[in-house]
């Protein structure tokens, strides 16, 4: 074991994983998948309670990928994309304007913009063990000011559809917090 001066090490206590709640996030990367009609956004925590730049730190120290979310922009998804645009405009007054953006529709202009996100736990089946586990994911995009003002409700857990449970899962099993990256897009 390596020699460490334990008198200079700060003790870790509690849960270091951001749980369900409202967070102000920022876009750190975006890729256009034009053939499939969506943008893939990479994000990190922008404000609050010791989680600022947590995903960057995990990427640098553990090699984990930034968590992502997809936003489709074609056909029936146009209204949801408009919601994203309006959320970014309201969350970044004076920095982002939908009308100005649509002149050239450059997705790179989304980088470093903040937005509010309601995060909630979702159950999933671990493909290696067959166990039911949980991961915290973005469930809704909201104005960052609503998060800062506490004007939001924490989403309830999204339970796994019982019809999707495999024979290796027990209907009475309790979900345990994910210990590492779920699918390399959600590092908690």
N, C-alpha and C. Protein backbone atom coordinates (compact mmCIF):
# COMPACT_ATOMS: atom_id res chain seq x y z
N UNK A 1 0.85 -1.17 0.00
CA UNK A 1 0.00 0.00 0.00
C UNK A 1 0.89 1.24 0.00
N UNK A 2 0.44 2.28 -0.71
CA UNK A 2 1.22 3.50 -0.76
C UNK A 2 1.25 4.19 0.60
N UNK A 3 2.30 4.94 0.85
CA UNK A 3 2.42 5.68 2.10
C UNK A 3 1.70 7.01 1.93
N UNK A 4 0.76 7.31 2.87
CA UNK A 4 -0.05 8.53 2.79
C UNK A 4 -0.06 9.19 4.16
N UNK A 5 0.02 10.51 4.17
CA UNK A 5 -0.11 11.27 5.41
C UNK A 5 -1.61 11.47 5.65
N UNK A 6 -2.23 10.59 6.40
CA UNK A 6 -3.68 10.59 6.59
C UNK A 6 -4.16 11.79 7.39
N UNK A 7 -3.28 12.50 8.04
CA UNK A 7 -3.69 13.71 8.78
C UNK A 7 -4.06 14.84 7.82
N UNK A 8 -3.63 14.77 6.57
CA UNK A 8 -3.92 15.81 5.59
C UNK A 8 -5.00 15.41 4.59
N UNK A 9 -5.66 14.28 4.82
CA UNK A 9 -6.70 13.81 3.91
C UNK A 9 -8.05 14.12 4.52
N UNK A 10 -8.92 14.77 3.71
CA UNK A 10 -10.26 15.09 4.19
C UNK A 10 -11.14 13.84 4.10
N UNK A 11 -11.84 13.55 5.18
CA UNK A 11 -12.71 12.38 5.25
C UNK A 11 -13.91 12.55 4.33
N UNK A 12 -14.26 11.51 3.61
CA UNK A 12 -15.47 11.50 2.78
C UNK A 12 -16.60 10.88 3.59
N UNK A 13 -17.75 11.52 3.56
CA UNK A 13 -18.91 10.99 4.26
C UNK A 13 -20.13 11.19 3.38
N UNK A 14 -21.17 10.43 3.64
CA UNK A 14 -22.42 10.61 2.91
C UNK A 14 -22.33 10.13 1.48
N UNK A 15 -23.30 10.55 0.71
CA UNK A 15 -23.43 10.13 -0.68
C UNK A 15 -22.81 11.17 -1.59
N UNK A 16 -21.84 10.79 -2.39
CA UNK A 16 -21.21 11.73 -3.31
C UNK A 16 -21.90 11.74 -4.67
N UNK A 17 -22.91 10.96 -4.82
CA UNK A 17 -23.65 10.89 -6.07
C UNK A 17 -24.80 11.90 -6.03
N UNK A 18 -24.87 12.78 -7.03
CA UNK A 18 -26.02 13.69 -7.07
C UNK A 18 -27.31 12.88 -7.22
N UNK A 19 -28.25 13.12 -6.37
CA UNK A 19 -29.50 12.38 -6.40
C UNK A 19 -30.60 13.13 -7.13
N UNK A 20 -31.81 12.62 -7.07
CA UNK A 20 -32.93 13.29 -7.71
C UNK A 20 -33.08 14.72 -7.17
N UNK A 21 -33.45 15.62 -8.05
CA UNK A 21 -33.62 17.02 -7.65
C UNK A 21 -33.54 17.94 -8.84
N UNK A 22 -33.43 19.22 -8.56
CA UNK A 22 -33.29 20.22 -9.60
C UNK A 22 -31.86 20.72 -9.63
N UNK A 23 -31.30 20.80 -10.82
CA UNK A 23 -29.91 21.21 -10.99
C UNK A 23 -29.80 22.20 -12.13
N UNK A 24 -28.82 23.10 -12.00
CA UNK A 24 -28.46 23.96 -13.13
C UNK A 24 -27.27 23.29 -13.79
N UNK A 25 -27.47 22.93 -15.06
CA UNK A 25 -26.45 22.22 -15.83
C UNK A 25 -25.93 23.12 -16.94
N UNK A 26 -24.84 22.69 -17.56
CA UNK A 26 -24.31 23.41 -18.72
C UNK A 26 -23.96 22.42 -19.81
N UNK A 27 -24.06 22.88 -21.03
CA UNK A 27 -23.74 22.06 -22.20
C UNK A 27 -22.24 22.17 -22.43
N UNK A 28 -21.56 21.03 -22.47
CA UNK A 28 -20.11 21.03 -22.68
C UNK A 28 -19.72 20.49 -24.05
N UNK A 29 -20.65 19.89 -24.75
CA UNK A 29 -20.39 19.38 -26.09
C UNK A 29 -21.70 19.04 -26.78
N UNK A 30 -21.69 19.10 -28.09
CA UNK A 30 -22.89 18.77 -28.86
C UNK A 30 -22.47 18.21 -30.22
N UNK A 31 -23.14 17.15 -30.63
CA UNK A 31 -22.87 16.51 -31.92
C UNK A 31 -24.19 16.35 -32.66
N UNK A 32 -24.19 16.72 -33.94
CA UNK A 32 -25.39 16.59 -34.77
C UNK A 32 -25.37 15.25 -35.48
N UNK A 33 -26.40 14.45 -35.26
CA UNK A 33 -26.60 13.20 -35.99
C UNK A 33 -27.72 13.46 -36.99
N UNK A 34 -27.36 14.15 -38.08
CA UNK A 34 -28.33 14.66 -39.05
C UNK A 34 -29.16 13.55 -39.69
N UNK A 35 -28.57 12.41 -40.00
CA UNK A 35 -29.32 11.33 -40.63
C UNK A 35 -30.43 10.82 -39.72
N UNK A 36 -30.17 10.83 -38.41
CA UNK A 36 -31.17 10.37 -37.45
C UNK A 36 -32.02 11.52 -36.91
N UNK A 37 -31.62 12.75 -37.21
CA UNK A 37 -32.41 13.92 -36.83
C UNK A 37 -32.37 14.30 -35.36
N UNK A 38 -31.19 14.18 -34.73
CA UNK A 38 -31.09 14.61 -33.34
C UNK A 38 -29.71 15.18 -33.04
N UNK A 39 -29.68 15.97 -31.97
CA UNK A 39 -28.43 16.46 -31.41
C UNK A 39 -28.15 15.66 -30.14
N UNK A 40 -26.91 15.27 -29.95
CA UNK A 40 -26.48 14.59 -28.73
C UNK A 40 -25.71 15.61 -27.90
N UNK A 41 -26.26 15.93 -26.72
CA UNK A 41 -25.67 16.92 -25.84
C UNK A 41 -24.89 16.24 -24.72
N UNK A 42 -23.68 16.72 -24.47
CA UNK A 42 -22.92 16.33 -23.29
C UNK A 42 -23.10 17.44 -22.27
N UNK A 43 -23.20 17.08 -20.99
CA UNK A 43 -23.47 18.10 -19.99
C UNK A 43 -22.66 17.88 -18.72
N UNK A 44 -22.62 18.96 -17.92
CA UNK A 44 -21.98 18.91 -16.61
C UNK A 44 -22.77 19.80 -15.66
N UNK A 45 -22.49 19.67 -14.37
CA UNK A 45 -23.14 20.51 -13.37
C UNK A 45 -22.51 21.89 -13.42
N UNK A 46 -23.33 22.94 -13.43
CA UNK A 46 -22.84 24.30 -13.56
C UNK A 46 -22.86 25.07 -12.24
N UNK A 47 -23.76 24.71 -11.35
CA UNK A 47 -23.92 25.46 -10.10
C UNK A 47 -24.29 24.52 -8.97
N UNK A 48 -23.95 24.94 -7.74
CA UNK A 48 -24.52 24.34 -6.54
C UNK A 48 -23.80 23.18 -5.89
N UNK A 49 -23.95 23.09 -4.62
CA UNK A 49 -23.66 21.99 -3.69
C UNK A 49 -22.51 21.05 -4.02
N UNK A 50 -21.38 21.56 -4.41
CA UNK A 50 -20.19 20.73 -4.57
C UNK A 50 -20.15 19.85 -5.80
N UNK A 51 -21.11 19.97 -6.70
CA UNK A 51 -21.11 19.11 -7.88
C UNK A 51 -20.63 19.83 -9.15
N UNK A 52 -20.25 21.11 -9.04
CA UNK A 52 -19.82 21.87 -10.21
C UNK A 52 -18.65 21.15 -10.86
N UNK A 53 -18.78 20.93 -12.16
CA UNK A 53 -17.76 20.26 -12.98
C UNK A 53 -17.44 18.83 -12.52
N UNK A 54 -18.37 18.19 -11.83
CA UNK A 54 -18.17 16.82 -11.38
C UNK A 54 -17.88 15.87 -12.54
N UNK A 55 -18.64 16.01 -13.62
CA UNK A 55 -18.46 15.09 -14.75
C UNK A 55 -17.12 15.29 -15.45
N UNK A 56 -16.63 16.53 -15.48
CA UNK A 56 -15.30 16.78 -16.04
C UNK A 56 -14.26 16.07 -15.18
N UNK A 57 -14.40 16.18 -13.85
CA UNK A 57 -13.46 15.53 -12.94
C UNK A 57 -13.49 14.01 -13.13
N UNK A 58 -14.67 13.44 -13.27
CA UNK A 58 -14.78 12.00 -13.49
C UNK A 58 -14.19 11.59 -14.83
N UNK A 59 -14.35 12.45 -15.82
CA UNK A 59 -13.77 12.18 -17.14
C UNK A 59 -12.24 12.21 -17.05
N UNK A 60 -11.71 13.20 -16.34
CA UNK A 60 -10.26 13.34 -16.25
C UNK A 60 -9.62 12.27 -15.37
N UNK A 61 -10.27 11.91 -14.26
CA UNK A 61 -9.66 10.97 -13.33
C UNK A 61 -10.02 9.51 -13.58
N UNK A 62 -11.24 9.26 -14.08
CA UNK A 62 -11.70 7.89 -14.27
C UNK A 62 -11.84 7.49 -15.74
N UNK A 63 -11.75 8.48 -16.63
CA UNK A 63 -11.91 8.18 -18.05
C UNK A 63 -13.37 8.01 -18.47
N UNK A 64 -14.30 8.40 -17.59
CA UNK A 64 -15.71 8.26 -17.93
C UNK A 64 -16.12 9.29 -18.96
N UNK A 65 -17.04 8.92 -19.79
CA UNK A 65 -17.59 9.86 -20.77
C UNK A 65 -18.56 10.80 -20.05
N UNK A 66 -18.71 12.00 -20.61
CA UNK A 66 -19.71 12.91 -20.07
C UNK A 66 -21.10 12.29 -20.25
N UNK A 67 -22.01 12.53 -19.32
CA UNK A 67 -23.38 12.07 -19.54
C UNK A 67 -24.00 12.84 -20.69
N UNK A 68 -24.98 12.23 -21.31
CA UNK A 68 -25.59 12.82 -22.51
C UNK A 68 -27.11 12.77 -22.44
N UNK A 69 -27.72 13.59 -23.28
CA UNK A 69 -29.14 13.45 -23.59
C UNK A 69 -29.31 13.79 -25.05
N UNK A 70 -30.33 13.18 -25.66
CA UNK A 70 -30.64 13.42 -27.08
C UNK A 70 -31.81 14.37 -27.19
N UNK A 71 -31.75 15.21 -28.20
CA UNK A 71 -32.90 16.07 -28.51
C UNK A 71 -33.16 15.95 -30.01
N UNK A 72 -34.26 15.30 -30.36
CA UNK A 72 -34.63 15.15 -31.76
C UNK A 72 -35.20 16.46 -32.27
N UNK A 73 -35.04 16.71 -33.58
CA UNK A 73 -35.49 17.99 -34.13
C UNK A 73 -36.28 17.87 -35.43
N UNK A 74 -36.64 16.69 -35.84
CA UNK A 74 -37.39 16.51 -37.09
C UNK A 74 -38.81 16.03 -36.81
N UNK A 75 -39.72 16.36 -37.72
CA UNK A 75 -41.09 15.85 -37.66
C UNK A 75 -41.82 16.17 -36.38
N UNK A 76 -42.37 15.13 -35.75
CA UNK A 76 -43.17 15.30 -34.53
C UNK A 76 -42.35 15.84 -33.36
N UNK A 77 -41.02 15.81 -33.47
CA UNK A 77 -40.15 16.26 -32.39
C UNK A 77 -39.85 17.75 -32.44
N UNK A 78 -40.30 18.44 -33.46
CA UNK A 78 -39.98 19.86 -33.61
C UNK A 78 -40.46 20.68 -32.40
N UNK A 79 -41.62 20.38 -31.87
CA UNK A 79 -42.14 21.10 -30.71
C UNK A 79 -41.25 20.92 -29.48
N UNK A 80 -40.70 19.71 -29.29
CA UNK A 80 -39.80 19.47 -28.16
C UNK A 80 -38.48 20.19 -28.36
N UNK A 81 -38.03 20.27 -29.62
CA UNK A 81 -36.80 21.02 -29.88
C UNK A 81 -37.02 22.51 -29.61
N UNK A 82 -38.20 23.00 -29.97
CA UNK A 82 -38.53 24.40 -29.68
C UNK A 82 -38.54 24.63 -28.16
N UNK A 83 -39.02 23.66 -27.40
CA UNK A 83 -38.98 23.78 -25.93
C UNK A 83 -37.54 23.91 -25.45
N UNK A 84 -36.63 23.10 -25.99
CA UNK A 84 -35.21 23.20 -25.64
C UNK A 84 -34.69 24.60 -25.96
N UNK A 85 -34.98 25.09 -27.17
CA UNK A 85 -34.51 26.43 -27.57
C UNK A 85 -35.03 27.50 -26.62
N UNK A 86 -36.32 27.45 -26.31
CA UNK A 86 -36.90 28.44 -25.40
C UNK A 86 -36.32 28.33 -23.99
N UNK A 87 -36.07 27.11 -23.53
CA UNK A 87 -35.45 26.92 -22.22
C UNK A 87 -34.06 27.52 -22.19
N UNK A 88 -33.29 27.32 -23.26
CA UNK A 88 -31.95 27.91 -23.32
C UNK A 88 -32.01 29.43 -23.37
N UNK A 89 -32.97 29.97 -24.09
CA UNK A 89 -33.10 31.43 -24.17
C UNK A 89 -33.48 32.01 -22.81
N UNK A 90 -34.45 31.41 -22.14
CA UNK A 90 -34.88 31.90 -20.81
C UNK A 90 -33.79 31.71 -19.76
N UNK A 91 -33.00 30.67 -19.88
CA UNK A 91 -31.96 30.38 -18.90
C UNK A 91 -30.69 31.19 -19.13
N UNK A 92 -30.54 31.75 -20.31
CA UNK A 92 -29.33 32.50 -20.67
C UNK A 92 -29.69 33.86 -21.26
N UNK A 93 -30.39 34.71 -20.49
CA UNK A 93 -30.80 36.01 -21.04
C UNK A 93 -29.59 36.84 -21.46
N UNK A 94 -29.68 37.40 -22.66
CA UNK A 94 -28.59 38.21 -23.19
C UNK A 94 -27.46 37.41 -23.82
N UNK A 95 -27.47 36.10 -23.64
CA UNK A 95 -26.42 35.25 -24.20
C UNK A 95 -26.91 34.40 -25.37
N UNK A 96 -28.19 34.05 -25.34
CA UNK A 96 -28.73 33.19 -26.40
C UNK A 96 -30.10 33.70 -26.79
N UNK A 97 -30.29 33.81 -28.11
CA UNK A 97 -31.55 34.28 -28.66
C UNK A 97 -31.94 33.33 -29.79
N UNK A 98 -33.13 32.76 -29.71
CA UNK A 98 -33.58 31.77 -30.70
C UNK A 98 -33.59 32.36 -32.10
N UNK A 99 -34.13 33.56 -32.25
CA UNK A 99 -34.22 34.19 -33.58
C UNK A 99 -32.84 34.40 -34.18
N UNK A 100 -31.89 34.85 -33.39
CA UNK A 100 -30.52 35.06 -33.90
C UNK A 100 -29.86 33.72 -34.22
N UNK A 101 -30.10 32.71 -33.37
CA UNK A 101 -29.49 31.40 -33.58
C UNK A 101 -29.96 30.76 -34.87
N UNK A 102 -31.24 30.90 -35.19
CA UNK A 102 -31.77 30.17 -36.35
C UNK A 102 -31.29 30.72 -37.68
N UNK A 103 -30.57 31.86 -37.68
CA UNK A 103 -30.00 32.39 -38.92
C UNK A 103 -29.06 31.37 -39.53
N UNK A 104 -28.19 30.75 -38.72
CA UNK A 104 -27.31 29.71 -39.26
C UNK A 104 -27.44 28.37 -38.54
N UNK A 105 -28.23 28.31 -37.48
CA UNK A 105 -28.52 27.07 -36.76
C UNK A 105 -27.27 26.25 -36.45
N UNK A 106 -26.24 26.90 -35.94
CA UNK A 106 -25.00 26.22 -35.60
C UNK A 106 -25.10 25.63 -34.20
N UNK A 107 -25.09 24.31 -34.12
CA UNK A 107 -25.23 23.65 -32.82
C UNK A 107 -24.08 23.96 -31.87
N UNK A 108 -22.94 24.37 -32.38
CA UNK A 108 -21.82 24.70 -31.51
C UNK A 108 -22.09 25.93 -30.65
N UNK A 109 -23.08 26.75 -31.02
CA UNK A 109 -23.45 27.90 -30.21
C UNK A 109 -24.12 27.50 -28.89
N UNK A 110 -24.49 26.23 -28.76
CA UNK A 110 -25.10 25.75 -27.52
C UNK A 110 -24.05 25.52 -26.42
N UNK A 111 -22.79 25.37 -26.79
CA UNK A 111 -21.75 25.07 -25.81
C UNK A 111 -21.68 26.18 -24.76
N UNK A 112 -21.54 25.76 -23.52
CA UNK A 112 -21.44 26.63 -22.34
C UNK A 112 -22.74 27.29 -21.92
N UNK A 113 -23.85 27.01 -22.62
CA UNK A 113 -25.14 27.55 -22.18
C UNK A 113 -25.64 26.72 -21.00
N UNK A 114 -26.31 27.40 -20.08
CA UNK A 114 -26.87 26.74 -18.90
C UNK A 114 -28.36 26.46 -19.12
N UNK A 115 -28.86 25.51 -18.37
CA UNK A 115 -30.29 25.19 -18.38
C UNK A 115 -30.64 24.48 -17.08
N UNK A 116 -31.89 24.53 -16.72
CA UNK A 116 -32.36 23.81 -15.55
C UNK A 116 -32.78 22.41 -15.94
N UNK A 117 -32.54 21.48 -15.04
CA UNK A 117 -32.93 20.10 -15.30
C UNK A 117 -33.53 19.49 -14.04
N UNK A 118 -34.63 18.79 -14.23
CA UNK A 118 -35.20 17.99 -13.16
C UNK A 118 -34.66 16.58 -13.35
N UNK A 119 -33.95 16.12 -12.32
CA UNK A 119 -33.32 14.80 -12.38
C UNK A 119 -34.12 13.84 -11.51
N UNK A 120 -34.34 12.66 -12.04
CA UNK A 120 -35.07 11.65 -11.30
C UNK A 120 -34.44 10.28 -11.47
N UNK A 121 -34.69 9.41 -10.51
CA UNK A 121 -34.19 8.04 -10.60
C UNK A 121 -35.08 7.22 -11.52
N UNK A 122 -34.43 6.34 -12.27
CA UNK A 122 -35.12 5.39 -13.15
C UNK A 122 -34.53 4.01 -12.91
N UNK A 123 -35.39 3.04 -12.83
CA UNK A 123 -34.93 1.66 -12.69
C UNK A 123 -34.50 1.11 -14.05
N UNK A 124 -33.53 0.21 -14.00
CA UNK A 124 -33.09 -0.51 -15.19
C UNK A 124 -32.58 -1.87 -14.76
N UNK A 125 -32.44 -2.76 -15.71
CA UNK A 125 -31.91 -4.09 -15.43
C UNK A 125 -30.44 -4.11 -15.81
N UNK A 126 -29.59 -4.44 -14.85
CA UNK A 126 -28.16 -4.56 -15.10
C UNK A 126 -27.95 -5.75 -16.03
N UNK A 127 -27.37 -5.51 -17.20
CA UNK A 127 -27.22 -6.56 -18.21
C UNK A 127 -26.26 -7.66 -17.77
N UNK A 128 -25.34 -7.33 -16.87
CA UNK A 128 -24.37 -8.34 -16.42
C UNK A 128 -24.94 -9.23 -15.33
N UNK A 129 -25.69 -8.63 -14.39
CA UNK A 129 -26.15 -9.40 -13.23
C UNK A 129 -27.63 -9.73 -13.27
N UNK A 130 -28.40 -9.01 -14.09
CA UNK A 130 -29.84 -9.22 -14.13
C UNK A 130 -30.58 -8.54 -12.99
N UNK A 131 -29.85 -7.81 -12.15
CA UNK A 131 -30.46 -7.12 -11.01
C UNK A 131 -31.12 -5.82 -11.44
N UNK A 132 -32.14 -5.42 -10.69
CA UNK A 132 -32.76 -4.13 -10.90
C UNK A 132 -31.97 -3.09 -10.13
N UNK A 133 -31.52 -2.05 -10.82
CA UNK A 133 -30.74 -0.97 -10.21
C UNK A 133 -31.39 0.35 -10.60
N UNK A 134 -30.83 1.45 -10.10
CA UNK A 134 -31.34 2.77 -10.47
C UNK A 134 -30.22 3.63 -11.01
N UNK A 135 -30.60 4.57 -11.85
CA UNK A 135 -29.70 5.59 -12.37
C UNK A 135 -30.47 6.91 -12.34
N UNK A 136 -29.76 7.98 -12.05
CA UNK A 136 -30.37 9.30 -12.04
C UNK A 136 -30.21 9.91 -13.42
N UNK A 137 -31.33 10.33 -14.02
CA UNK A 137 -31.32 10.86 -15.38
C UNK A 137 -32.13 12.14 -15.47
N UNK A 138 -31.84 12.90 -16.51
CA UNK A 138 -32.62 14.11 -16.78
C UNK A 138 -34.02 13.68 -17.18
N UNK A 139 -35.02 14.24 -16.49
CA UNK A 139 -36.41 13.91 -16.81
C UNK A 139 -37.14 15.08 -17.46
N UNK A 140 -36.68 16.33 -17.22
CA UNK A 140 -37.31 17.50 -17.84
C UNK A 140 -36.33 18.65 -17.86
N UNK A 141 -36.44 19.46 -18.91
CA UNK A 141 -35.66 20.69 -19.02
C UNK A 141 -36.53 21.86 -18.59
N UNK A 142 -35.98 22.73 -17.75
CA UNK A 142 -36.73 23.86 -17.23
C UNK A 142 -35.82 25.09 -17.20
N UNK A 143 -36.41 26.23 -16.96
CA UNK A 143 -35.66 27.47 -16.83
C UNK A 143 -34.73 27.35 -15.62
N UNK A 144 -33.47 27.73 -15.81
CA UNK A 144 -32.50 27.66 -14.71
C UNK A 144 -32.94 28.50 -13.52
N UNK A 145 -33.65 29.61 -13.77
CA UNK A 145 -34.12 30.46 -12.67
C UNK A 145 -35.09 29.70 -11.76
N UNK A 146 -35.90 28.81 -12.32
CA UNK A 146 -36.82 28.02 -11.50
C UNK A 146 -36.06 27.11 -10.54
N UNK A 147 -34.94 26.57 -10.99
CA UNK A 147 -34.12 25.72 -10.12
C UNK A 147 -33.51 26.58 -9.01
N UNK A 148 -32.94 27.71 -9.39
CA UNK A 148 -32.31 28.60 -8.40
C UNK A 148 -33.32 29.08 -7.36
N UNK A 149 -34.56 29.29 -7.76
CA UNK A 149 -35.60 29.79 -6.86
C UNK A 149 -36.33 28.67 -6.11
N UNK A 150 -35.99 27.42 -6.38
CA UNK A 150 -36.65 26.30 -5.72
C UNK A 150 -38.06 26.07 -6.22
N UNK A 151 -38.37 26.56 -7.41
CA UNK A 151 -39.71 26.44 -7.99
C UNK A 151 -39.79 25.19 -8.87
N UNK A 152 -39.75 24.03 -8.25
CA UNK A 152 -39.83 22.77 -9.00
C UNK A 152 -40.22 21.65 -8.04
N UNK A 153 -40.65 20.54 -8.61
CA UNK A 153 -40.95 19.33 -7.84
C UNK A 153 -40.02 18.23 -8.31
N UNK A 154 -39.49 17.49 -7.35
CA UNK A 154 -38.59 16.40 -7.68
C UNK A 154 -39.40 15.26 -8.28
N UNK A 155 -38.98 14.75 -9.44
CA UNK A 155 -39.74 13.65 -10.06
C UNK A 155 -39.72 12.38 -9.20
N UNK A 156 -40.82 11.67 -9.22
CA UNK A 156 -40.89 10.38 -8.53
C UNK A 156 -40.09 9.36 -9.33
N UNK A 157 -39.68 8.30 -8.66
CA UNK A 157 -38.89 7.27 -9.33
C UNK A 157 -39.70 6.66 -10.47
N UNK A 158 -39.03 6.44 -11.58
CA UNK A 158 -39.65 5.79 -12.74
C UNK A 158 -39.35 4.30 -12.61
N UNK A 159 -40.39 3.56 -12.25
CA UNK A 159 -40.24 2.13 -12.02
C UNK A 159 -40.13 1.38 -13.34
N UNK A 160 -39.42 0.30 -13.31
CA UNK A 160 -39.27 -0.58 -14.45
C UNK A 160 -40.60 -1.25 -14.75
N UNK A 161 -40.94 -1.35 -16.01
CA UNK A 161 -42.16 -2.05 -16.42
C UNK A 161 -42.02 -3.52 -16.01
N UNK A 162 -42.95 -4.03 -15.19
CA UNK A 162 -42.84 -5.43 -14.73
C UNK A 162 -42.75 -6.42 -15.88
N UNK A 163 -43.30 -6.07 -17.03
CA UNK A 163 -43.25 -6.97 -18.19
C UNK A 163 -41.85 -7.06 -18.79
N UNK A 164 -40.96 -6.09 -18.45
CA UNK A 164 -39.61 -6.11 -18.99
C UNK A 164 -38.63 -6.81 -18.06
N UNK A 165 -39.06 -7.16 -16.86
CA UNK A 165 -38.19 -7.83 -15.91
C UNK A 165 -37.88 -9.23 -16.42
N UNK A 166 -36.65 -9.67 -16.23
CA UNK A 166 -36.25 -11.00 -16.69
C UNK A 166 -36.48 -12.01 -15.58
N UNK A 167 -36.31 -13.25 -15.91
CA UNK A 167 -36.50 -14.31 -14.92
C UNK A 167 -35.46 -14.24 -13.81
N UNK A 168 -34.35 -13.57 -14.05
CA UNK A 168 -33.31 -13.50 -13.02
C UNK A 168 -33.58 -12.39 -12.01
N UNK A 169 -34.60 -11.59 -12.24
CA UNK A 169 -34.90 -10.53 -11.27
C UNK A 169 -36.03 -10.96 -10.37
N UNK A 170 -35.95 -10.52 -9.17
CA UNK A 170 -36.98 -10.83 -8.19
C UNK A 170 -37.97 -9.68 -8.10
N UNK A 171 -39.29 -9.94 -8.10
CA UNK A 171 -40.25 -8.84 -8.03
C UNK A 171 -40.16 -8.07 -6.72
N UNK A 172 -39.53 -8.64 -5.68
CA UNK A 172 -39.42 -7.93 -4.41
C UNK A 172 -38.03 -7.33 -4.21
N UNK A 173 -37.17 -7.43 -5.22
CA UNK A 173 -35.82 -6.88 -5.08
C UNK A 173 -35.90 -5.36 -4.93
N UNK A 174 -35.01 -4.83 -4.11
CA UNK A 174 -34.96 -3.37 -3.97
C UNK A 174 -33.84 -2.84 -4.84
N UNK A 175 -34.07 -1.66 -5.41
CA UNK A 175 -33.09 -1.06 -6.30
C UNK A 175 -31.94 -0.48 -5.47
N UNK A 176 -30.73 -0.75 -5.91
CA UNK A 176 -29.55 -0.20 -5.26
C UNK A 176 -28.97 0.91 -6.13
N UNK A 177 -28.36 1.93 -5.53
CA UNK A 177 -27.76 2.99 -6.33
C UNK A 177 -26.68 2.42 -7.25
N UNK A 178 -26.60 2.96 -8.45
CA UNK A 178 -25.58 2.53 -9.39
C UNK A 178 -24.21 2.91 -8.84
N UNK A 179 -23.26 1.98 -8.91
CA UNK A 179 -21.95 2.23 -8.34
C UNK A 179 -20.98 2.84 -9.35
N UNK A 180 -21.29 2.80 -10.61
CA UNK A 180 -20.39 3.32 -11.63
C UNK A 180 -21.19 3.73 -12.85
N UNK A 181 -20.51 3.92 -13.97
CA UNK A 181 -21.23 4.37 -15.15
C UNK A 181 -22.21 3.31 -15.62
N UNK A 182 -23.43 3.73 -15.88
CA UNK A 182 -24.49 2.82 -16.29
C UNK A 182 -24.27 2.37 -17.72
N UNK A 183 -24.16 3.31 -18.63
CA UNK A 183 -23.96 2.97 -20.03
C UNK A 183 -22.94 3.92 -20.66
N UNK A 184 -22.02 4.37 -19.84
CA UNK A 184 -20.97 5.29 -20.25
C UNK A 184 -21.52 6.66 -20.61
N UNK A 185 -22.81 6.90 -20.37
CA UNK A 185 -23.34 8.23 -20.61
C UNK A 185 -23.90 8.84 -19.33
N UNK A 186 -23.93 8.08 -18.26
CA UNK A 186 -24.46 8.58 -16.99
C UNK A 186 -23.56 8.10 -15.86
N UNK A 187 -22.55 8.91 -15.45
CA UNK A 187 -21.54 8.39 -14.53
C UNK A 187 -21.93 8.40 -13.07
N UNK A 188 -23.15 8.00 -12.72
CA UNK A 188 -23.51 7.84 -11.32
C UNK A 188 -24.65 6.87 -11.19
